[in-house]
Amino acid sequence: MNQIKQIHAFTLRNGVDDIQLLVLKLLQVPNLPYAHALLLSHPHPPPTFLYNKLFQAYARSDGSAFEPCAALFARMRRPPNPHSFVFLFTACAVFSRPAYGRSLHARFLLSGLPFDAFVATSLIDLYAKSGLLDSARRLFDEIPLRDVALWNSMIRGYSRWGELDNARELFDTMPLRNAISWTSMVSGYAQNGRYEEAINVFSRMWEKGEVKPNEVTLASVLPACAHLGAMELGEKIEVYARENRMVGNVFVCNALLEMYAKCGNIERARKVFDEMGASRNLCSWNSMIMGLAVHGKWHEGLELFHEMKARGIRPDDITLVGVLLACTHGGLVDDGQYFFNSMERDFLITPKLEHYGCMVDLLGRAGFMKEAYSLITSMPMEPDSVIWGALLGACSFHGDIQLAEIAAEFLYKLEPWNSGNLVILSNIYALSGRWNSVAKIWKMMKGKQYRKSAGYSIIELDGSMHKFLVEDKSHPQFKAIYTLLDEIIMSMRLLGYKPNFSLQVES
């Protein structure tokens, strides 16, 4: 920076016009305010491309950079070119300024500048990211010649706001797709909880072989594999990632780690974690601690937490959820209370609902029912259904009818459609022999016409997911499946198996 100031002083003393060198060096540092002031104070109007360079730098900066960016555009001493507007549209999209973007759009139309693909794509991206999907689609439909980037911007916009059917309609009608097109659909489905469709699109992409999945594609589909338990597909993706040297990507490795942990293979998850070495980030540590905790390896999870702190990595609120889960699965009430009470003191982390939920679960499992209820009533925020559900679950385990009735009452207000809470309460009554109370609950459920959601199973076979409902006949091979089931049942009966039809309270 001192060298740049010396060069600037030299140019001023000797009347040398070297603004291009100075601005480009300032953008490398970067020192945007200095470059901004230099452009405005220069005696001769600087070339437009230097303004564009600074607009581009502002668009990549933080949220406070938008006002100076707009101010510089207003004070340009050279006419803007299409690229100037592209960078300003990008800044509006990044900093969520759709109103300013609309005014820029109007100014561009009045300028008479050519409306090229870069301008169109940046405008659609602005409207789509701002949630103005109707404006984005209207502009998209008005453009006669659309390149792949334009299609991708519109598809990403629909996916971002959950309008996946519209995104899929565009995707299916695209004349040409690239990796971004496929990845946009995969990530859109995965981020909106439509995991089966995410895997189906990915499988179709892989089978077609027209476009190879990249790092972003893998990092998008692996969470879907994790949620559905599709470890066989996840293993194939890992092989592909290693063959194509993608395991060096921290996002791919984190997704692999989480996939293995959620699919129950904690040893493979730990292997991926250890292989990452110095490339591990906070997300890597959090996923590993959480995975160890929920798999009963609470001791290893806490050891990893202490190692993380020893390495100077500052934990966040997600880390502490993992630590409290480890204490819960280890039955470590004192340790859990210590970590919970030290969150603000040691880590400047204010406990959230998730942390209170872990503590209620920890206390409830250990039989400290009154303490769990006291914690709920002292929370600084309103307890949600997860909190009361954790207390109800503990009541079910320890047979606490009084607190179960309180928890069920709050759950009924928060989730009047959820019959499962009433089923748990009826089970608690049944265990204590209060059959009149059981009958009242079932009578109430019948009067309210509660319908229990149909149970289903998802089975992975050769990387494809097969979903089955109760007595389902929608699967294309259902006849063969039921034939085989009949054969299995017949074989079991021949071996002397007798089914147990004794009446049980539904849970």
Protein backbone atom coordinates (compact mmCIF):
# COMPACT_ATOMS: atom_id res chain seq x y z
CA MET A 1 0.00 0.00 0.00
CA ASN A 2 2.87 2.35 0.77
CA GLN A 3 4.33 1.61 -2.67
CA ILE A 4 1.03 2.55 -4.33
CA LYS A 5 0.92 5.82 -2.39
CA GLN A 6 4.49 6.58 -3.48
CA ILE A 7 3.59 5.93 -7.14
CA HIS A 8 0.52 8.18 -6.78
CA ALA A 9 2.63 10.95 -5.25
CA PHE A 10 5.17 10.62 -8.07
CA THR A 11 2.46 10.92 -10.75
CA LEU A 12 1.03 14.03 -9.09
CA ARG A 13 4.45 15.74 -8.79
CA ASN A 14 5.51 14.93 -12.34
CA GLY A 15 2.17 15.26 -14.14
CA VAL A 16 2.18 11.61 -15.22
CA ASP A 17 -1.21 10.07 -16.06
CA ASP A 18 -0.90 6.54 -14.70
CA ILE A 19 -4.40 6.08 -13.27
CA GLN A 20 -4.91 2.68 -14.89
CA LEU A 21 -1.91 1.15 -13.09
CA LEU A 22 -2.90 2.74 -9.79
CA VAL A 23 -6.54 1.63 -9.89
CA LEU A 24 -5.68 -1.94 -10.90
CA LYS A 25 -3.11 -2.19 -8.09
CA LEU A 26 -5.59 -0.76 -5.58
CA LEU A 27 -8.14 -3.39 -6.59
CA GLN A 28 -5.55 -6.12 -6.00
CA VAL A 29 -4.92 -4.95 -2.39
CA PRO A 30 -7.93 -4.32 -2.25
CA ASN A 31 -8.60 -0.73 -1.20
CA LEU A 32 -11.91 0.19 -2.82
CA PRO A 33 -12.41 3.61 -1.13
CA TYR A 34 -8.98 4.79 -2.37
CA ALA A 35 -9.71 3.56 -5.93
CA HIS A 36 -13.15 5.20 -5.76
CA ALA A 37 -11.70 8.56 -4.69
CA LEU A 38 -8.97 8.33 -7.32
CA LEU A 39 -11.48 7.86 -10.16
CA LEU A 40 -13.59 10.82 -9.06
CA SER A 41 -10.65 13.19 -8.40
CA HIS A 42 -8.69 12.49 -11.59
CA PRO A 43 -8.51 15.62 -13.81
CA HIS A 44 -9.44 13.67 -16.95
CA PRO A 45 -12.41 11.28 -17.22
CA PRO A 46 -10.97 7.77 -16.72
CA PRO A 47 -11.86 5.05 -19.25
CA THR A 48 -15.14 3.22 -18.65
CA PHE A 49 -13.49 -0.16 -18.14
CA LEU A 50 -11.82 1.16 -14.93
CA TYR A 51 -15.24 2.10 -13.56
CA ASN A 52 -16.42 -1.37 -14.52
CA LYS A 53 -13.51 -2.96 -12.66
CA LEU A 54 -14.52 -1.12 -9.52
CA PHE A 55 -18.21 -1.99 -10.00
CA GLN A 56 -17.18 -5.64 -10.27
CA ALA A 57 -15.11 -5.38 -7.08
CA TYR A 58 -18.01 -3.77 -5.22
CA ALA A 59 -20.34 -6.58 -6.35
CA ARG A 60 -17.96 -9.10 -4.78
CA SER A 61 -17.65 -7.13 -1.55
CA ASP A 62 -19.84 -7.01 1.57
CA GLY A 63 -23.28 -5.44 1.99
CA SER A 64 -21.98 -1.99 2.94
CA ALA A 65 -20.46 -1.64 -0.54
CA PHE A 66 -23.72 -1.09 -2.41
CA GLU A 67 -24.20 2.62 -1.64
CA PRO A 68 -20.71 3.68 -2.79
CA CYS A 69 -21.16 1.47 -5.88
CA ALA A 70 -24.43 3.21 -6.81
CA ALA A 71 -22.93 6.62 -6.01
CA LEU A 72 -19.96 5.98 -8.30
CA PHE A 73 -22.28 4.93 -11.11
CA ALA A 74 -24.27 8.16 -10.69
CA ARG A 75 -21.08 10.24 -10.95
CA MET A 76 -19.47 8.48 -13.93
CA ARG A 77 -17.82 11.00 -16.20
CA ARG A 78 -17.89 8.61 -19.15
CA PRO A 79 -21.00 7.04 -20.68
CA PRO A 80 -21.63 3.55 -19.25
CA ASN A 81 -21.43 0.55 -21.56
CA PRO A 82 -23.43 -2.70 -21.30
CA HIS A 83 -20.82 -4.22 -18.98
CA SER A 84 -21.34 -1.33 -16.52
CA PHE A 85 -24.99 -2.29 -16.24
CA VAL A 86 -24.14 -5.99 -15.95
CA PHE A 87 -21.97 -5.34 -12.89
CA LEU A 88 -24.60 -3.05 -11.36
CA PHE A 89 -27.36 -5.61 -11.93
CA THR A 90 -25.11 -8.21 -10.28
CA ALA A 91 -24.56 -5.90 -7.30
CA CYS A 92 -28.32 -5.39 -6.98
CA ALA A 93 -28.83 -9.16 -6.97
CA VAL A 94 -26.08 -9.77 -4.41
CA PHE A 95 -27.24 -7.01 -2.05
CA SER A 96 -31.00 -7.54 -2.58
CA ARG A 97 -31.82 -4.14 -4.09
CA PRO A 98 -34.59 -4.96 -6.58
CA ALA A 99 -36.06 -1.41 -6.58
CA TYR A 100 -32.74 0.10 -7.67
CA GLY A 101 -32.37 -2.74 -10.16
CA ARG A 102 -35.72 -1.87 -11.76
CA SER A 103 -34.68 1.77 -12.15
CA LEU A 104 -31.40 0.63 -13.70
CA HIS A 105 -33.35 -1.59 -16.10
CA ALA A 106 -35.41 1.43 -17.20
CA ARG A 107 -32.29 3.54 -17.61
CA PHE A 108 -30.66 0.83 -19.69
CA LEU A 109 -33.65 0.66 -22.03
CA LEU A 110 -33.54 4.45 -22.46
CA SER A 111 -29.80 4.39 -23.15
CA GLY A 112 -30.21 2.60 -26.49
CA LEU A 113 -27.34 0.23 -25.67
CA PRO A 114 -27.49 -3.26 -27.22
CA PHE A 115 -29.37 -5.85 -25.15
CA ASP A 116 -26.91 -8.73 -25.25
CA ALA A 117 -26.90 -12.11 -23.51
CA PHE A 118 -24.79 -10.86 -20.58
CA VAL A 119 -27.24 -8.05 -19.82
CA ALA A 120 -30.25 -10.37 -20.13
CA THR A 121 -28.74 -13.05 -17.89
CA SER A 122 -27.73 -10.57 -15.17
CA LEU A 123 -31.20 -8.99 -15.23
CA ILE A 124 -33.02 -12.32 -14.98
CA ASP A 125 -30.64 -13.34 -12.21
CA LEU A 126 -31.46 -10.09 -10.36
CA TYR A 127 -35.23 -10.56 -10.62
CA ALA A 128 -35.06 -14.28 -9.82
CA LYS A 129 -32.86 -13.87 -6.72
CA SER A 130 -35.16 -11.06 -5.51
CA GLY A 131 -38.23 -13.29 -5.76
CA LEU A 132 -39.69 -11.32 -8.68
CA LEU A 133 -40.23 -14.48 -10.68
CA ASP A 134 -43.04 -13.05 -12.83
CA SER A 135 -40.76 -10.22 -13.98
CA ALA A 136 -37.93 -12.67 -14.60
CA ARG A 137 -40.15 -15.02 -16.61
CA ARG A 138 -41.69 -12.19 -18.62
CA LEU A 139 -38.21 -10.98 -19.59
CA PHE A 140 -37.12 -14.56 -20.31
CA ASP A 141 -40.08 -15.11 -22.67
CA GLU A 142 -39.38 -11.83 -24.50
CA ILE A 143 -35.84 -12.88 -25.47
CA PRO A 144 -35.90 -14.72 -28.84
CA LEU A 145 -32.41 -16.22 -28.71
CA ARG A 146 -31.60 -17.76 -25.34
CA ASP A 147 -28.26 -19.31 -24.44
CA VAL A 148 -27.74 -21.97 -21.75
CA ALA A 149 -26.78 -19.39 -19.11
CA LEU A 150 -30.14 -17.64 -19.57
CA TRP A 151 -32.07 -20.90 -19.12
CA ASN A 152 -29.97 -21.76 -16.07
CA SER A 153 -30.65 -18.40 -14.41
CA MET A 154 -34.39 -18.87 -14.76
CA ILE A 155 -34.25 -22.47 -13.52
CA ARG A 156 -32.12 -21.45 -10.51
CA GLY A 157 -34.61 -18.69 -9.71
CA TYR A 158 -37.55 -21.10 -9.69
CA SER A 159 -35.60 -23.63 -7.62
CA ARG A 160 -34.47 -20.99 -5.13
CA TRP A 161 -38.07 -20.09 -4.30
CA GLY A 162 -39.42 -23.65 -4.28
CA GLU A 163 -41.26 -23.49 -7.62
CA LEU A 164 -39.75 -26.76 -8.73
CA ASP A 165 -42.50 -27.79 -11.11
CA ASN A 166 -41.89 -24.63 -13.15
CA ALA A 167 -38.14 -25.26 -12.96
CA ARG A 168 -38.60 -28.84 -14.17
CA GLU A 169 -40.84 -27.71 -17.03
CA LEU A 170 -38.11 -25.36 -18.27
CA PHE A 171 -35.41 -27.95 -17.69
CA ASP A 172 -37.24 -30.55 -19.77
CA THR A 173 -37.72 -28.12 -22.67
CA MET A 174 -34.11 -26.87 -22.77
CA PRO A 175 -32.50 -27.46 -26.17
CA LEU A 176 -29.09 -27.92 -24.56
CA ARG A 177 -28.05 -28.61 -20.96
CA ASN A 178 -24.73 -28.31 -19.19
CA ALA A 179 -23.53 -29.35 -15.73
CA ILE A 180 -25.01 -26.21 -14.17
CA SER A 181 -28.46 -27.07 -15.59
CA TRP A 182 -28.45 -30.56 -14.08
CA THR A 183 -26.95 -29.37 -10.79
CA SER A 184 -29.57 -26.63 -10.45
CA MET A 185 -32.33 -29.24 -10.58
CA VAL A 186 -30.56 -31.68 -8.26
CA SER A 187 -29.81 -29.00 -5.65
CA GLY A 188 -33.27 -27.47 -6.04
CA TYR A 189 -34.98 -30.77 -5.25
CA ALA A 190 -32.57 -31.57 -2.40
CA GLN A 191 -32.84 -28.15 -0.74
CA ASN A 192 -36.63 -28.32 -0.86
CA GLY A 193 -36.84 -31.77 0.71
CA ARG A 194 -37.74 -33.65 -2.48
CA TYR A 195 -34.89 -36.09 -2.09
CA GLU A 196 -36.18 -38.92 -4.28
CA GLU A 197 -36.53 -36.55 -7.23
CA ALA A 198 -33.05 -35.17 -6.58
CA ILE A 199 -31.61 -38.68 -6.83
CA ASN A 200 -33.70 -39.50 -9.89
CA VAL A 201 -32.45 -36.41 -11.77
CA PHE A 202 -28.86 -37.17 -10.74
CA SER A 203 -29.20 -40.81 -11.86
CA ARG A 204 -30.62 -39.70 -15.18
CA MET A 205 -27.70 -37.30 -15.63
CA TRP A 206 -25.22 -40.05 -14.80
CA GLU A 207 -26.85 -42.64 -17.04
CA LYS A 208 -27.09 -40.32 -20.03
CA GLY A 209 -23.40 -39.49 -19.77
CA GLU A 210 -23.79 -36.32 -21.84
CA VAL A 211 -22.49 -34.14 -19.01
CA LYS A 212 -20.21 -35.23 -16.19
CA PRO A 213 -21.19 -34.36 -12.61
CA ASN A 214 -18.87 -31.79 -11.04
CA GLU A 215 -18.02 -31.03 -7.41
CA VAL A 216 -21.15 -28.93 -6.91
CA THR A 217 -23.35 -31.71 -8.33
CA LEU A 218 -21.89 -34.26 -5.93
CA ALA A 219 -22.17 -31.91 -2.95
CA SER A 220 -25.84 -31.36 -3.90
CA VAL A 221 -26.91 -35.00 -4.36
CA LEU A 222 -25.08 -36.52 -1.37
CA PRO A 223 -27.38 -34.83 1.21
CA ALA A 224 -30.31 -36.44 -0.61
CA CYS A 225 -28.57 -39.82 -0.30
CA ALA A 226 -28.08 -39.10 3.40
CA HIS A 227 -31.76 -38.34 4.02
CA LEU A 228 -32.98 -41.43 2.15
CA GLY A 229 -30.29 -43.78 3.42
CA ALA A 230 -29.06 -44.42 -0.13
CA MET A 231 -25.57 -45.46 0.92
CA GLU A 232 -25.04 -47.73 -2.10
CA LEU A 233 -25.38 -44.73 -4.42
CA GLY A 234 -23.26 -42.67 -2.03
CA GLU A 235 -20.48 -45.25 -2.25
CA LYS A 236 -20.58 -45.12 -6.06
CA ILE A 237 -20.37 -41.34 -5.89
CA GLU A 238 -17.31 -41.60 -3.65
CA VAL A 239 -15.61 -43.91 -6.16
CA TYR A 240 -16.42 -41.43 -8.94
CA ALA A 241 -15.11 -38.54 -6.84
CA ARG A 242 -11.83 -40.33 -6.14
CA GLU A 243 -11.38 -41.35 -9.77
CA ASN A 244 -11.90 -37.74 -10.86
CA ARG A 245 -9.79 -36.20 -8.08
CA MET A 246 -12.70 -34.42 -6.43
CA VAL A 247 -12.06 -35.63 -2.88
CA GLY A 248 -9.79 -32.64 -2.36
CA ASN A 249 -12.90 -30.45 -2.46
CA VAL A 250 -13.98 -29.67 1.12
CA PHE A 251 -17.68 -29.48 0.19
CA VAL A 252 -17.62 -32.91 -1.44
CA CYS A 253 -15.78 -34.40 1.54
CA ASN A 254 -18.17 -32.81 4.03
CA ALA A 255 -21.13 -34.17 2.07
CA LEU A 256 -19.57 -37.65 1.97
CA LEU A 257 -18.86 -37.49 5.70
CA GLU A 258 -22.44 -36.51 6.51
CA MET A 259 -23.86 -39.10 4.13
CA TYR A 260 -21.96 -41.97 5.75
CA ALA A 261 -22.79 -40.73 9.25
CA LYS A 262 -26.53 -40.47 8.53
CA CYS A 263 -26.56 -43.82 6.72
CA GLY A 264 -25.13 -45.54 9.79
CA ASN A 265 -21.54 -46.17 8.66
CA ILE A 266 -19.75 -44.03 11.21
CA GLU A 267 -16.41 -45.80 10.55
CA ARG A 268 -16.41 -44.69 6.90
CA ALA A 269 -17.42 -41.20 7.98
CA ARG A 270 -14.45 -41.07 10.35
CA LYS A 271 -12.13 -42.30 7.60
CA VAL A 272 -13.25 -39.44 5.32
CA PHE A 273 -12.82 -36.99 8.21
CA ASP A 274 -9.29 -38.19 8.98
CA GLU A 275 -8.29 -38.10 5.30
CA MET A 276 -9.34 -34.45 5.04
CA GLY A 277 -6.50 -33.37 7.33
CA ALA A 278 -5.81 -29.65 7.24
CA SER A 279 -8.65 -28.98 4.77
CA ARG A 280 -11.28 -29.64 7.45
CA ASN A 281 -13.50 -26.69 8.27
CA LEU A 282 -15.99 -26.07 11.08
CA CYS A 283 -18.68 -27.95 9.17
CA SER A 284 -16.41 -31.03 9.04
CA TRP A 285 -15.85 -31.02 12.80
CA ASN A 286 -19.55 -30.42 13.52
CA SER A 287 -20.70 -33.27 11.27
CA MET A 288 -18.22 -35.69 12.81
CA ILE A 289 -19.05 -34.74 16.41
CA MET A 290 -22.78 -34.99 15.67
CA GLY A 291 -22.35 -38.33 13.88
CA LEU A 292 -20.36 -39.86 16.74
CA ALA A 293 -22.91 -38.58 19.26
CA VAL A 294 -25.99 -40.08 17.59
CA HIS A 295 -24.20 -43.40 17.01
CA GLY A 296 -23.58 -43.84 20.72
CA LYS A 297 -19.88 -43.01 20.44
CA TRP A 298 -20.38 -40.09 22.81
CA HIS A 299 -16.94 -40.44 24.37
CA GLU A 300 -15.21 -40.07 20.99
CA GLY A 301 -17.48 -37.13 20.14
CA LEU A 302 -16.46 -35.25 23.30
CA GLU A 303 -12.80 -36.10 22.70
CA LEU A 304 -13.09 -34.63 19.22
CA PHE A 305 -14.69 -31.49 20.66
CA HIS A 306 -11.76 -31.00 23.04
CA GLU A 307 -9.29 -31.64 20.20
CA MET A 308 -11.11 -29.07 18.10
CA LYS A 309 -10.75 -26.45 20.84
CA ALA A 310 -7.09 -27.35 21.34
CA ARG A 311 -6.48 -26.63 17.65
CA GLY A 312 -7.89 -23.13 18.11
CA ILE A 313 -11.11 -23.77 16.15
CA ARG A 314 -13.95 -21.76 17.69
CA PRO A 315 -17.17 -23.78 18.07
CA ASP A 316 -20.53 -22.43 16.95
CA ASP A 317 -24.09 -23.16 18.03
CA ILE A 318 -24.22 -26.33 15.89
CA THR A 319 -21.08 -27.66 17.59
CA LEU A 320 -22.74 -27.27 20.99
CA VAL A 321 -25.82 -29.14 19.77
CA GLY A 322 -23.51 -32.05 18.92
CA VAL A 323 -21.81 -31.83 22.32
CA LEU A 324 -25.14 -31.83 24.17
CA LEU A 325 -26.31 -34.78 22.05
CA ALA A 326 -23.16 -36.65 23.08
CA CYS A 327 -23.97 -35.96 26.72
CA THR A 328 -27.56 -37.10 26.15
CA HIS A 329 -26.55 -40.42 24.60
CA GLY A 330 -23.93 -40.91 27.31
CA GLY A 331 -26.32 -40.03 30.14
CA LEU A 332 -23.89 -37.33 31.28
CA VAL A 333 -26.28 -34.99 33.08
CA ASP A 334 -23.63 -33.01 34.99
CA ASP A 335 -21.42 -32.61 31.90
CA GLY A 336 -24.41 -31.56 29.80
CA GLN A 337 -25.43 -28.92 32.33
CA TYR A 338 -21.85 -27.66 32.48
CA PHE A 339 -21.59 -27.28 28.70
CA PHE A 340 -25.05 -25.69 28.51
CA ASN A 341 -24.26 -23.16 31.24
CA SER A 342 -20.84 -22.36 29.73
CA MET A 343 -22.13 -21.53 26.24
CA GLU A 344 -22.43 -17.79 26.77
CA ARG A 345 -19.55 -17.53 29.22
CA ASP A 346 -16.91 -19.43 27.24
CA PHE A 347 -18.10 -19.21 23.62
CA LEU A 348 -20.41 -16.13 23.50
CA ILE A 349 -23.19 -18.38 22.14
CA THR A 350 -26.72 -17.70 23.32
CA PRO A 351 -28.64 -20.98 23.75
CA LYS A 352 -31.30 -21.54 21.10
CA LEU A 353 -34.35 -23.79 20.97
CA GLU A 354 -32.20 -26.68 19.76
CA HIS A 355 -29.97 -26.45 22.85
CA TYR A 356 -32.94 -26.30 25.22
CA GLY A 357 -34.42 -29.29 23.39
CA CYS A 358 -31.22 -31.27 23.96
CA MET A 359 -31.24 -30.39 27.67
CA VAL A 360 -34.89 -31.35 28.12
CA ASP A 361 -34.15 -34.65 26.38
CA LEU A 362 -31.03 -35.19 28.53
CA LEU A 363 -32.81 -34.46 31.81
CA GLY A 364 -35.91 -36.41 30.80
CA ARG A 365 -34.04 -39.53 29.77
CA ALA A 366 -32.17 -39.49 33.08
CA GLY A 367 -35.44 -39.29 35.00
CA PHE A 368 -35.11 -35.68 36.15
CA MET A 369 -38.65 -34.88 35.06
CA LYS A 370 -39.29 -31.91 37.35
CA GLU A 371 -35.98 -30.33 36.36
CA ALA A 372 -36.82 -30.80 32.66
CA TYR A 373 -40.22 -29.16 33.13
CA SER A 374 -38.68 -26.34 35.18
CA LEU A 375 -36.19 -25.67 32.38
CA ILE A 376 -39.04 -25.44 29.85
CA THR A 377 -40.97 -22.94 31.96
CA SER A 378 -37.85 -20.78 32.44
CA MET A 379 -36.92 -20.60 28.76
CA PRO A 380 -36.54 -17.04 27.36
CA MET A 381 -38.48 -18.08 24.24
CA GLU A 382 -41.70 -19.99 23.64
CA PRO A 383 -41.10 -23.76 23.63
CA ASP A 384 -42.00 -25.43 20.33
CA SER A 385 -43.40 -28.86 19.56
CA VAL A 386 -39.91 -30.43 19.64
CA ILE A 387 -39.39 -29.28 23.25
CA TRP A 388 -42.78 -30.54 24.45
CA GLY A 389 -42.33 -33.69 22.36
CA ALA A 390 -39.06 -34.43 24.15
CA LEU A 391 -40.81 -34.06 27.51
CA LEU A 392 -43.72 -36.26 26.40
CA GLY A 393 -41.28 -38.91 25.22
CA ALA A 394 -39.52 -38.86 28.60
CA CYS A 395 -42.90 -39.13 30.36
CA SER A 396 -43.65 -42.18 28.23
CA PHE A 397 -40.40 -43.79 29.35
CA HIS A 398 -40.80 -42.96 33.05
CA GLY A 399 -44.61 -43.14 33.29
CA ASP A 400 -45.14 -39.57 34.52
CA ILE A 401 -48.86 -39.05 33.81
CA GLN A 402 -49.15 -35.54 35.26
CA LEU A 403 -46.40 -34.00 33.13
CA ALA A 404 -47.49 -36.08 30.12
CA GLU A 405 -50.93 -34.44 30.27
CA ILE A 406 -49.35 -30.98 30.41
CA ALA A 407 -47.03 -31.73 27.47
CA ALA A 408 -49.84 -33.29 25.44
CA GLU A 409 -52.07 -30.26 26.04
CA PHE A 410 -49.44 -27.89 24.65
CA LEU A 411 -48.70 -30.23 21.75
CA TYR A 412 -52.39 -30.37 20.91
CA LYS A 413 -52.40 -26.56 20.60
CA LEU A 414 -49.19 -26.50 18.54
CA GLU A 415 -49.93 -29.56 16.37
CA PRO A 416 -53.68 -30.22 16.39
CA TRP A 417 -53.28 -32.41 13.30
CA ASN A 418 -50.64 -34.71 14.84
CA SER A 419 -52.41 -37.80 16.20
CA GLY A 420 -49.10 -39.32 17.27
CA ASN A 421 -48.95 -37.19 20.41
CA LEU A 422 -52.36 -38.46 21.53
CA VAL A 423 -51.30 -42.04 20.77
CA ILE A 424 -48.28 -41.63 23.07
CA LEU A 425 -50.48 -40.21 25.83
CA SER A 426 -52.90 -43.12 25.45
CA ASN A 427 -49.97 -45.55 25.73
CA ILE A 428 -48.90 -43.86 28.98
CA TYR A 429 -52.44 -44.25 30.35
CA ALA A 430 -52.50 -47.89 29.22
CA LEU A 431 -49.24 -48.71 31.00
CA SER A 432 -50.71 -47.37 34.25
CA GLY A 433 -54.00 -49.23 33.73
CA ARG A 434 -56.14 -46.14 33.17
CA TRP A 435 -58.27 -47.71 30.45
CA ASN A 436 -61.10 -45.18 30.78
CA SER A 437 -58.62 -42.43 29.82
CA VAL A 438 -57.40 -44.55 26.92
CA ALA A 439 -60.97 -44.96 25.68
CA LYS A 440 -61.63 -41.20 25.95
CA ILE A 441 -58.58 -40.39 23.79
CA TRP A 442 -59.49 -42.89 21.10
CA LYS A 443 -63.08 -41.71 21.12
CA MET A 444 -61.88 -38.12 20.72
CA MET A 445 -59.55 -39.14 17.88
CA LYS A 446 -62.39 -40.96 16.15
CA GLY A 447 -64.66 -37.92 16.57
CA LYS A 448 -62.01 -35.63 15.13
CA GLN A 449 -61.52 -38.12 12.27
CA TYR A 450 -57.76 -38.27 12.69
CA ARG A 451 -56.04 -40.13 9.92
CA LYS A 452 -52.67 -41.65 10.53
CA SER A 453 -50.25 -41.09 7.67
CA ALA A 454 -49.62 -44.24 5.68
CA GLY A 455 -46.36 -45.87 6.59
CA TYR A 456 -43.85 -46.54 3.83
CA SER A 457 -40.44 -48.02 3.28
CA ILE A 458 -37.69 -46.98 0.90
CA ILE A 459 -35.38 -49.70 -0.39
CA GLU A 460 -32.21 -49.05 -2.37
CA LEU A 461 -31.37 -51.50 -5.15
CA ASP A 462 -28.53 -50.96 -7.62
CA GLY A 463 -28.43 -47.26 -6.80
CA SER A 464 -32.17 -46.74 -7.43
CA MET A 465 -34.73 -45.96 -4.73
CA HIS A 466 -37.97 -47.97 -4.49
CA LYS A 467 -40.78 -46.63 -2.28
CA PHE A 468 -43.52 -48.92 -0.93
CA LEU A 469 -46.70 -47.96 0.92
CA VAL A 470 -48.82 -50.40 2.91
CA GLU A 471 -50.50 -52.82 0.45
CA ASP A 472 -48.99 -50.78 -2.36
CA LYS A 473 -49.59 -51.84 -5.96
CA SER A 474 -48.05 -48.85 -7.72
CA HIS A 475 -44.60 -50.40 -8.19
CA PRO A 476 -44.13 -51.78 -11.72
CA GLN A 477 -42.98 -55.14 -10.29
CA PHE A 478 -45.58 -55.42 -7.53
CA LYS A 479 -46.90 -58.81 -8.74
CA ALA A 480 -43.46 -60.40 -8.57
CA ILE A 481 -42.84 -58.79 -5.18
CA TYR A 482 -46.08 -60.10 -3.66
CA THR A 483 -45.48 -63.54 -5.14
CA LEU A 484 -42.10 -63.70 -3.43
CA LEU A 485 -43.62 -62.44 -0.15
CA ASP A 486 -46.25 -65.19 -0.30
CA GLU A 487 -43.49 -67.75 -0.83
CA ILE A 488 -41.57 -66.39 2.19
CA ILE A 489 -44.69 -66.48 4.41
CA MET A 490 -45.45 -70.04 3.28
CA SER A 491 -41.89 -71.13 4.08
CA MET A 492 -42.14 -69.53 7.53
CA ARG A 493 -45.39 -71.38 8.28
CA LEU A 494 -43.86 -74.68 7.17
CA LEU A 495 -41.07 -74.07 9.66
CA GLY A 496 -43.65 -73.65 12.43
CA TYR A 497 -43.95 -69.84 12.62
CA LYS A 498 -47.22 -68.65 14.15
CA PRO A 499 -48.09 -64.93 13.90
CA ASN A 500 -49.00 -63.07 17.12
CA PHE A 501 -52.37 -61.35 16.67
CA SER A 502 -52.74 -60.24 20.32
CA LEU A 503 -54.25 -56.76 20.64
CA GLN A 504 -51.70 -54.02 21.20
CA VAL A 505 -52.13 -50.28 21.63
CA GLU A 506 -50.97 -48.60 18.44
CA SER A 507 -47.82 -46.53 18.76
